[in-house]
C-alpha cells in the first residue's frame, strides 16, 4: 500500500498578518485548495510554522472538508500540525531544550503520529529546527545538533515504548534549516551529521534525484534544500520492534500555483511511501 506524505512550511507567522500581500486566512483557503488535487486515499500532511490561531483553525477546517483530520498533540506556538485521512494516534510533542533568538518564543519541537494500515504500522514525525540568526554560525550549528539528538531520542522512545505489532515503518519530514548540499550538489557537513545522527536509511528526494538540486527555499528564488523526507529504518530500534525500510518511494517537489510567495516562502515536498 502506498501512503502519500507531504511536508510544507506554510509561514503563518505570528508577527505578520499578511504574506505576499495576502491575509493568512485567505492563504489558508488557497493552501487547502492547492493541496486538494494532490491528496490520495491515504495521505498524511505535516505543516511547519502553522502559528496563527485563527488561520490555523481555518486551515484545519478547510482540510477537514477534504477528509483530513488533525492527528497531532502540539501547542499552537510550536507551529507543527499533522493532518490525515487515515485514522491515527497522536504522539505528544517534545520541545527542544536548546533554542536561540526568536526560536525561544516559537517553541521549536518535534511531534508525531502512529497509523495502523492493513496490519502495518506507520510512524510519521515532523519537526522544525533552529533557524539561522545573527548569532555565530558555530553556535547555531551546535543548537541544531543538540536538537537532532533530541529527535533521535524522541523517535526511538516513541516507537519502542508504544504497543504495536506487525511490520513497522518510520518517516521523518520537515524544515531542518540545514543545507543539504553546496551549489555543486556536494553534501554539507551538517547534512552528514543529520543523516548519521538520525539513522537515515534513505533521503527520499536525493535517492530518486541524485543530481537535481531539489531546492525548497525560497519558493520564488530557490537556492538551497532544507526540507527533507527521510526513512529512519537504520536507527537502533528495540529488537522486539523491528523497523524495515519502505519498499518503494517516489519523492518530488509538489507543484503549487503561482505566485509562490502568496502561499509560502518554502516549496512543499511529497513522497509516496510503499509499506
Protein backbone atom coordinates (compact mmCIF):
# COMPACT_ATOMS: atom_id res chain seq x y z
CA UNK A 1 0.00 0.00 0.00
CA UNK A 2 1.24 3.48 -0.82
CA UNK A 3 0.95 6.35 1.67
CA UNK A 4 1.45 9.92 0.45
CA UNK A 5 3.28 12.13 2.94
CA UNK A 6 3.52 15.88 2.30
CA UNK A 7 5.67 18.33 4.26
CA UNK A 8 5.11 22.08 3.96
CA UNK A 9 6.33 25.12 5.90
CA UNK A 10 3.37 27.50 5.41
CA UNK A 11 4.72 30.61 7.18
CA UNK A 12 1.68 31.54 9.30
CA UNK A 13 3.93 33.90 11.21
CA UNK A 14 2.59 35.34 14.48
CA UNK A 15 4.27 38.68 13.81
CA UNK A 16 2.59 39.35 10.44
CA UNK A 17 -1.00 39.32 9.20
CA UNK A 18 -0.11 39.02 5.53
CA UNK A 19 2.44 37.25 3.38
CA UNK A 20 2.87 38.23 -0.25
CA UNK A 21 0.09 40.78 0.22
CA UNK A 22 -2.44 38.05 1.14
CA UNK A 23 -4.03 37.69 4.57
CA UNK A 24 -3.30 34.46 6.42
CA UNK A 25 -6.98 33.41 6.43
CA UNK A 26 -7.10 33.75 2.65
CA UNK A 27 -3.84 31.84 2.39
CA UNK A 28 -5.38 29.01 4.46
CA UNK A 29 -8.16 28.67 1.86
CA UNK A 30 -5.68 28.81 -1.02
CA UNK A 31 -3.33 26.27 0.53
CA UNK A 32 -6.17 23.80 1.12
CA UNK A 33 -7.43 24.29 -2.45
CA UNK A 34 -3.93 23.89 -3.92
CA UNK A 35 -3.32 20.67 -1.96
CA UNK A 36 -6.67 19.12 -2.91
CA UNK A 37 -5.57 17.69 -6.30
CA UNK A 38 -2.57 16.04 -4.65
CA UNK A 39 -4.47 14.14 -1.96
CA UNK A 40 -4.75 10.38 -2.27
CA UNK A 41 -6.87 7.81 -0.44
CA UNK A 42 -4.11 7.61 2.19
CA UNK A 43 -2.44 10.96 2.84
CA UNK A 44 -0.57 12.48 5.78
CA UNK A 45 0.25 16.20 5.63
CA UNK A 46 2.81 17.73 8.00
CA UNK A 47 2.93 21.51 8.37
CA UNK A 48 5.52 23.76 9.99
CA UNK A 49 5.03 27.41 11.02
CA UNK A 50 1.26 26.97 11.43
CA UNK A 51 1.42 29.50 14.26
CA UNK A 52 -1.51 31.89 13.85
CA UNK A 53 -4.61 30.93 15.84
CA UNK A 54 -7.50 31.88 13.52
CA UNK A 55 -5.71 30.99 10.23
CA UNK A 56 -4.54 27.68 11.73
CA UNK A 57 -8.10 26.86 12.76
CA UNK A 58 -9.32 27.92 9.33
CA UNK A 59 -6.80 25.65 7.63
CA UNK A 60 -7.83 22.70 9.83
CA UNK A 61 -11.49 23.41 8.98
CA UNK A 62 -10.88 23.61 5.22
CA UNK A 63 -8.74 20.47 5.21
CA UNK A 64 -11.42 18.75 7.29
CA UNK A 65 -13.82 19.30 4.42
CA UNK A 66 -11.38 17.28 2.31
CA UNK A 67 -11.38 14.45 4.83
CA UNK A 68 -8.13 15.37 6.61
CA UNK A 69 -8.35 15.36 10.42
CA UNK A 70 -5.80 16.72 12.89
CA UNK A 71 -3.55 13.97 14.25
CA UNK A 72 -1.07 15.97 16.35
CA UNK A 73 -0.85 16.90 20.03
CA UNK A 74 1.02 20.19 19.82
CA UNK A 75 0.53 23.68 21.22
CA UNK A 76 -0.23 26.33 18.63
CA UNK A 77 3.06 28.09 19.36
CA UNK A 78 5.05 25.05 18.23
CA UNK A 79 3.85 25.73 14.68
CA UNK A 80 3.66 21.98 13.98
CA UNK A 81 0.48 20.38 12.63
CA UNK A 82 -0.25 16.89 11.28
CA UNK A 83 -3.48 16.06 9.43
CA UNK A 84 -4.52 12.87 7.69
CA UNK A 85 -7.43 10.97 6.15
CA UNK A 86 -6.08 7.89 7.95
CA UNK A 87 -7.14 7.10 11.47
CA UNK A 88 -4.16 7.61 13.74
CA UNK A 89 -3.00 8.24 17.27
CA UNK A 90 -1.12 11.41 18.06
CA UNK A 91 2.18 11.23 19.95
CA UNK A 92 2.81 14.03 22.45
CA UNK A 93 5.26 16.60 21.14
CA UNK A 94 8.73 17.19 22.56
CA UNK A 95 10.01 20.75 22.80
CA UNK A 96 13.71 21.32 22.22
CA UNK A 97 15.78 22.42 25.21
CA UNK A 98 18.32 24.26 23.07
CA UNK A 99 16.94 27.25 21.14
CA UNK A 100 18.13 30.73 20.27
CA UNK A 101 16.62 34.13 19.47
CA UNK A 102 13.03 34.17 18.20
CA UNK A 103 13.01 30.37 18.26
CA UNK A 104 12.61 30.51 22.06
CA UNK A 105 9.23 32.13 21.51
CA UNK A 106 8.31 29.72 18.73
CA UNK A 107 8.79 26.62 20.91
CA UNK A 108 10.61 24.63 18.25
CA UNK A 109 9.89 20.94 18.68
CA UNK A 110 9.20 17.52 17.15
CA UNK A 111 5.90 15.64 17.09
CA UNK A 112 4.46 12.53 15.50
CA UNK A 113 1.53 10.22 14.85
CA UNK A 114 1.10 6.45 14.70
CA UNK A 115 -1.08 4.89 12.00
CA UNK A 116 -2.11 1.26 11.61
CA UNK A 117 -2.73 0.47 7.96
CA UNK A 118 -3.76 -3.04 6.87
CA UNK A 119 -1.75 -4.70 9.58
CA UNK A 120 1.23 -2.39 9.12
CA UNK A 121 2.47 0.31 11.48
CA UNK A 122 3.40 3.71 10.11
CA UNK A 123 5.05 6.32 12.32
CA UNK A 124 5.26 9.81 10.81
CA UNK A 125 7.22 12.51 12.62
CA UNK A 126 7.70 16.15 11.71
CA UNK A 127 9.98 18.87 13.04
CA UNK A 128 11.28 22.41 12.56
CA UNK A 129 14.86 23.05 13.65
CA UNK A 130 16.62 26.20 14.79
CA UNK A 131 16.73 28.84 12.09
CA UNK A 132 19.72 30.98 11.23
CA UNK A 133 20.01 34.12 13.33
CA UNK A 134 22.61 36.83 13.74
CA UNK A 135 24.40 34.58 16.20
CA UNK A 136 27.70 32.86 15.45
CA UNK A 137 27.08 30.09 12.83
CA UNK A 138 29.02 27.65 15.03
CA UNK A 139 26.58 28.37 17.87
CA UNK A 140 23.58 27.77 15.60
CA UNK A 141 25.15 24.53 14.39
CA UNK A 142 25.67 23.38 17.99
CA UNK A 143 21.98 24.09 18.75
CA UNK A 144 20.83 22.20 15.66
CA UNK A 145 23.00 19.22 16.56
CA UNK A 146 21.50 19.18 20.07
CA UNK A 147 18.03 19.26 18.51
CA UNK A 148 18.90 16.35 16.22
CA UNK A 149 19.97 14.32 19.24
CA UNK A 150 16.63 15.15 20.87
CA UNK A 151 14.78 13.97 17.75
CA UNK A 152 16.76 10.73 17.76
CA UNK A 153 15.83 10.01 21.38
CA UNK A 154 12.20 11.03 20.84
CA UNK A 155 11.71 8.83 17.77
CA UNK A 156 13.35 5.82 19.42
CA UNK A 157 11.28 6.09 22.60
CA UNK A 158 8.05 6.81 20.68
CA UNK A 159 8.42 3.66 18.57
CA UNK A 160 9.92 1.39 21.23
CA UNK A 161 7.50 2.31 24.03
CA UNK A 162 4.28 2.34 22.00
CA UNK A 163 2.41 -1.01 21.92
CA UNK A 164 2.16 -2.28 18.36
CA UNK A 165 2.66 -5.48 16.44
CA UNK A 166 3.41 -6.22 12.82
CA UNK A 167 5.67 -4.65 10.18
CA UNK A 168 6.75 -1.10 11.07
CA UNK A 169 8.00 1.82 9.00
CA UNK A 170 9.21 5.22 10.26
CA UNK A 171 9.31 8.52 8.34
CA UNK A 172 10.55 11.93 9.44
CA UNK A 173 9.94 15.12 7.49
CA UNK A 174 10.03 18.86 7.98
CA UNK A 175 12.07 22.04 7.80
CA UNK A 176 15.52 21.24 9.17
CA UNK A 177 17.17 24.58 8.34
CA UNK A 178 20.29 22.56 7.46
CA UNK A 179 21.51 22.97 3.91
CA UNK A 180 21.79 19.57 2.21
CA UNK A 181 24.28 20.40 -0.48
CA UNK A 182 26.53 23.05 -1.89
CA UNK A 183 25.73 24.68 -5.23
CA UNK A 184 27.64 21.80 -6.84
CA UNK A 185 25.30 19.29 -5.13
CA UNK A 186 28.03 18.14 -2.75
CA UNK A 187 26.76 17.08 0.71
CA UNK A 188 27.48 19.54 3.51
CA UNK A 189 28.97 18.55 6.90
CA UNK A 190 25.65 19.50 8.53
CA UNK A 191 23.79 17.13 6.24
CA UNK A 192 26.23 14.31 7.03
CA UNK A 193 25.70 14.87 10.75
CA UNK A 194 21.92 14.85 10.26
CA UNK A 195 21.95 11.54 8.39
CA UNK A 196 24.34 9.85 10.83
CA UNK A 197 22.54 11.04 13.95
CA UNK A 198 19.06 10.07 12.71
CA UNK A 199 19.90 6.71 11.18
CA UNK A 200 18.73 7.84 7.77
CA UNK A 201 18.31 4.79 5.57
CA UNK A 202 17.02 6.86 2.68
CA UNK A 203 16.78 10.55 1.85
CA UNK A 204 13.75 10.03 -0.37
CA UNK A 205 14.33 13.00 -2.66
CA UNK A 206 18.08 12.59 -3.05
CA UNK A 207 17.84 8.87 -3.74
CA UNK A 208 15.45 9.46 -6.62
CA UNK A 209 17.16 12.64 -7.88
CA UNK A 210 20.91 12.17 -7.28
CA UNK A 211 21.95 15.22 -9.32
CA UNK A 212 18.95 17.56 -9.23
CA UNK A 213 19.19 20.50 -6.81
CA UNK A 214 15.79 19.90 -5.20
CA UNK A 215 15.86 23.35 -3.65
CA UNK A 216 12.95 24.06 -1.31
CA UNK A 217 13.82 27.58 -0.15
CA UNK A 218 12.91 30.17 -1.08
CA UNK A 219 9.79 29.45 -3.12
CA UNK A 220 10.26 32.37 -5.51
CA UNK A 221 14.05 32.18 -5.93
CA UNK A 222 15.09 28.76 -4.61
CA UNK A 223 18.75 28.38 -3.71
CA UNK A 224 19.02 25.63 -1.09
CA UNK A 225 17.47 22.36 0.07
CA UNK A 226 16.50 22.45 3.75
CA UNK A 227 13.23 20.46 3.76
CA UNK A 228 13.51 16.67 3.80
CA UNK A 229 11.57 13.40 3.66
CA UNK A 230 13.57 10.71 5.47
CA UNK A 231 13.30 6.95 6.04
CA UNK A 232 14.67 6.25 9.54
CA UNK A 233 14.94 2.45 9.28
CA UNK A 234 18.61 2.45 10.33
CA UNK A 235 18.03 3.82 13.84
CA UNK A 236 18.77 1.22 16.57
CA UNK A 237 15.18 0.38 17.49
CA UNK A 238 14.46 -2.27 20.14
CA UNK A 239 14.92 -5.86 18.97
CA UNK A 240 11.26 -6.60 19.67
CA UNK A 241 10.16 -3.68 17.49
CA UNK A 242 11.86 -4.36 14.15
CA UNK A 243 11.61 -1.48 11.68
CA UNK A 244 12.04 -2.08 7.96
CA UNK A 245 12.63 0.21 5.02
CA UNK A 246 9.86 1.44 2.81
CA UNK A 247 9.81 -0.97 -0.11
CA UNK A 248 9.48 1.76 -2.71
CA UNK A 249 9.29 5.52 -2.78
CA UNK A 250 8.52 8.30 -5.19
CA UNK A 251 9.51 11.76 -4.00
CA UNK A 252 9.45 15.19 -5.61
CA UNK A 253 8.66 18.84 -5.10
CA UNK A 254 4.93 19.50 -5.08
CA UNK A 255 3.81 21.91 -7.78
CA UNK A 256 1.92 24.90 -6.37
CA UNK A 257 0.16 27.68 -8.27
CA UNK A 258 1.92 30.97 -8.87
CA UNK A 259 2.69 33.46 -7.45
CA UNK A 260 4.52 31.24 -4.98
CA UNK A 261 5.03 33.89 -2.23
CA UNK A 262 1.25 34.09 -1.76
CA UNK A 263 1.38 30.54 -0.43
CA UNK A 264 4.69 30.40 1.46
CA UNK A 265 8.40 31.10 1.22
CA UNK A 266 9.02 27.32 1.08
CA UNK A 267 8.18 24.78 -1.59
CA UNK A 268 6.34 21.67 -0.37
CA UNK A 269 7.77 18.19 -0.74
CA UNK A 270 5.88 14.92 -1.10
CA UNK A 271 6.71 11.22 -1.10
CA UNK A 272 4.64 8.16 -1.95
CA UNK A 273 5.90 5.61 0.57
CA UNK A 274 5.06 1.94 -0.01
CA UNK A 275 4.64 -0.24 3.08
